[in-house]
Every structure is written in C-alpha cells, then in structure tokens.
Amino acid sequence: MIICVLDKIMEQRGYSNKDVVEITGVSRNTIKGFQSNASKRIDYETLDKLCNGLGLTPGDLLKFYPDEDYPRQ
C-alpha cells in the first residue's frame, strides 16, 4: 500500500489547506484528496508542485507499506 502523508506534514508545519494551496498552486480539492488518501492516482505535475513548494522529495510525501504491514485504522 502506498499512502500520502501530506496530512502529517501539514500538521507538523502548522499549515492549513489554504496555506498549501497558496504555496504550491495545487487546487484545494486535490490537497484534500491527498490528505485523506482518497486520490486514486497522482499526476507528475501535481507531485512536482507539492515537492517544490514544500521542499520535499516524493519519498517524503509518499510512503510504501507492504500489504501485511499497512497500519489499518
């Protein structure tokens, strides 16, 4: 399972959705989708905007868990 940890990054940095939209230029709906892991695919341009705007690498933003290790909620 690959998950996006944008919600945790935003929490650590004290960023709101509005902050991330302004910093990255990524739409509010897309940010919400990433926060809740509701996005089914990731556009390279969007990933690039998030990484550049927030000073991250794709590995900072996306985490891989083998299916048996995925932390279920």
C-alpha atoms as a PDB file:
ATOM      1  CA  MET A   1       0.000   0.000   0.000  1.00  0.00           C
ATOM      2  CA  ILE A   2       1.306   3.443  -0.892  1.00  0.00           C
ATOM      3  CA  ILE A   3      -0.069   6.312   1.152  1.00  0.00           C
ATOM      4  CA  CYS A   4       0.394  10.056   1.088  1.00  0.00           C
ATOM      5  CA  VAL A   5       1.480  11.631   4.366  1.00  0.00           C
ATOM      6  CA  LEU A   6       0.653  15.213   3.393  1.00  0.00           C
ATOM      7  CA  ASP A   7      -1.720  15.480   6.353  1.00  0.00           C
ATOM      8  CA  LYS A   8       1.095  14.674   8.788  1.00  0.00           C
ATOM      9  CA  ILE A   9       3.493  17.092   7.083  1.00  0.00           C
ATOM     10  CA  MET A  10       0.899  19.858   7.204  1.00  0.00           C
ATOM     11  CA  GLU A  11       0.221  19.157  10.878  1.00  0.00           C
ATOM     12  CA  GLN A  12       3.937  19.232  11.741  1.00  0.00           C
ATOM     13  CA  ARG A  13       4.406  22.538   9.938  1.00  0.00           C
ATOM     14  CA  GLY A  14       1.155  24.103  11.126  1.00  0.00           C
ATOM     15  CA  TYR A  15      -0.141  24.544   7.564  1.00  0.00           C
ATOM     16  CA  SER A  16      -3.798  24.835   6.668  1.00  0.00           C
ATOM     17  CA  ASN A  17      -5.272  23.742   3.341  1.00  0.00           C
ATOM     18  CA  LYS A  18      -5.264  27.383   2.293  1.00  0.00           C
ATOM     19  CA  ASP A  19      -1.548  27.684   3.106  1.00  0.00           C
ATOM     20  CA  VAL A  20      -0.654  24.670   0.959  1.00  0.00           C
ATOM     21  CA  VAL A  21      -2.826  25.893  -1.928  1.00  0.00           C
ATOM     22  CA  GLU A  22      -1.078  29.282  -1.838  1.00  0.00           C
ATOM     23  CA  ILE A  23       2.422  27.801  -1.506  1.00  0.00           C
ATOM     24  CA  THR A  24       2.077  25.115  -4.173  1.00  0.00           C
ATOM     25  CA  GLY A  25      -0.622  26.273  -6.592  1.00  0.00           C
ATOM     26  CA  VAL A  26      -2.337  22.887  -6.237  1.00  0.00           C
ATOM     27  CA  SER A  27      -6.144  23.052  -6.009  1.00  0.00           C
ATOM     28  CA  ARG A  28      -7.917  22.768  -2.669  1.00  0.00           C
ATOM     29  CA  ASN A  29      -9.803  19.645  -3.759  1.00  0.00           C
ATOM     30  CA  THR A  30      -6.569  17.938  -4.760  1.00  0.00           C
ATOM     31  CA  ILE A  31      -4.981  18.831  -1.420  1.00  0.00           C
ATOM     32  CA  LYS A  32      -7.996  17.378   0.393  1.00  0.00           C
ATOM     33  CA  GLY A  33      -7.763  14.201  -1.673  1.00  0.00           C
ATOM     34  CA  PHE A  34      -4.100  13.798  -0.782  1.00  0.00           C
ATOM     35  CA  GLN A  35      -4.748  14.478   2.901  1.00  0.00           C
ATOM     36  CA  SER A  36      -7.402  11.798   3.133  1.00  0.00           C
ATOM     37  CA  ASN A  37      -5.674   9.353   0.762  1.00  0.00           C
ATOM     38  CA  ALA A  38      -8.775   9.446  -1.409  1.00  0.00           C
ATOM     39  CA  SER A  39      -6.769  10.151  -4.574  1.00  0.00           C
ATOM     40  CA  LYS A  40      -6.503   7.086  -6.783  1.00  0.00           C
ATOM     41  CA  ARG A  41      -3.663   8.449  -8.932  1.00  0.00           C
ATOM     42  CA  ILE A  42      -1.031  11.129  -8.779  1.00  0.00           C
ATOM     43  CA  ASP A  43      -0.215  13.444 -11.638  1.00  0.00           C
ATOM     44  CA  TYR A  44       3.537  14.107 -12.018  1.00  0.00           C
ATOM     45  CA  GLU A  45       2.914  17.845 -12.372  1.00  0.00           C
ATOM     46  CA  THR A  46       0.966  17.876  -9.098  1.00  0.00           C
ATOM     47  CA  LEU A  47       3.649  15.874  -7.328  1.00  0.00           C
ATOM     48  CA  ASP A  48       6.268  18.288  -8.673  1.00  0.00           C
ATOM     49  CA  LYS A  49       4.330  21.329  -7.399  1.00  0.00           C
ATOM     50  CA  LEU A  50       3.909  19.800  -3.942  1.00  0.00           C
ATOM     51  CA  CYS A  51       7.554  18.779  -3.677  1.00  0.00           C
ATOM     52  CA  ASN A  52       8.932  22.088  -4.946  1.00  0.00           C
ATOM     53  CA  GLY A  53       6.542  24.228  -2.932  1.00  0.00           C
ATOM     54  CA  LEU A  54       7.003  22.342   0.328  1.00  0.00           C
ATOM     55  CA  GLY A  55      10.693  21.476  -0.092  1.00  0.00           C
ATOM     56  CA  LEU A  56      10.055  17.734  -0.164  1.00  0.00           C
ATOM     57  CA  THR A  57      11.012  14.730  -2.234  1.00  0.00           C
ATOM     58  CA  PRO A  58       8.448  12.191  -3.467  1.00  0.00           C
ATOM     59  CA  GLY A  59       9.815   9.817  -0.799  1.00  0.00           C
ATOM     60  CA  ASP A  60       8.959  12.358   1.902  1.00  0.00           C
ATOM     61  CA  LEU A  61       5.402  12.667   0.655  1.00  0.00           C
ATOM     62  CA  LEU A  62       4.624   9.056  -0.250  1.00  0.00           C
ATOM     63  CA  LYS A  63       5.206   6.050   1.999  1.00  0.00           C
ATOM     64  CA  PHE A  64       5.179   2.402   0.950  1.00  0.00           C
ATOM     65  CA  TYR A  65       3.926  -0.339   3.242  1.00  0.00           C
ATOM     66  CA  PRO A  66       3.857  -3.987   2.190  1.00  0.00           C
ATOM     67  CA  ASP A  67       0.209  -5.048   2.435  1.00  0.00           C
ATOM     68  CA  GLU A  68       0.792  -7.067   5.605  1.00  0.00           C
ATOM     69  CA  ASP A  69       2.479  -4.077   7.316  1.00  0.00           C
ATOM     70  CA  TYR A  70      -0.051  -1.397   6.367  1.00  0.00           C
ATOM     71  CA  PRO A  71      -1.322   0.341   9.522  1.00  0.00           C
ATOM     72  CA  ARG A  72      -5.091  -0.181   9.265  1.00  0.00           C
ATOM     73  CA  GLN A  73      -7.343   2.283  11.025  1.00  0.00           C
END
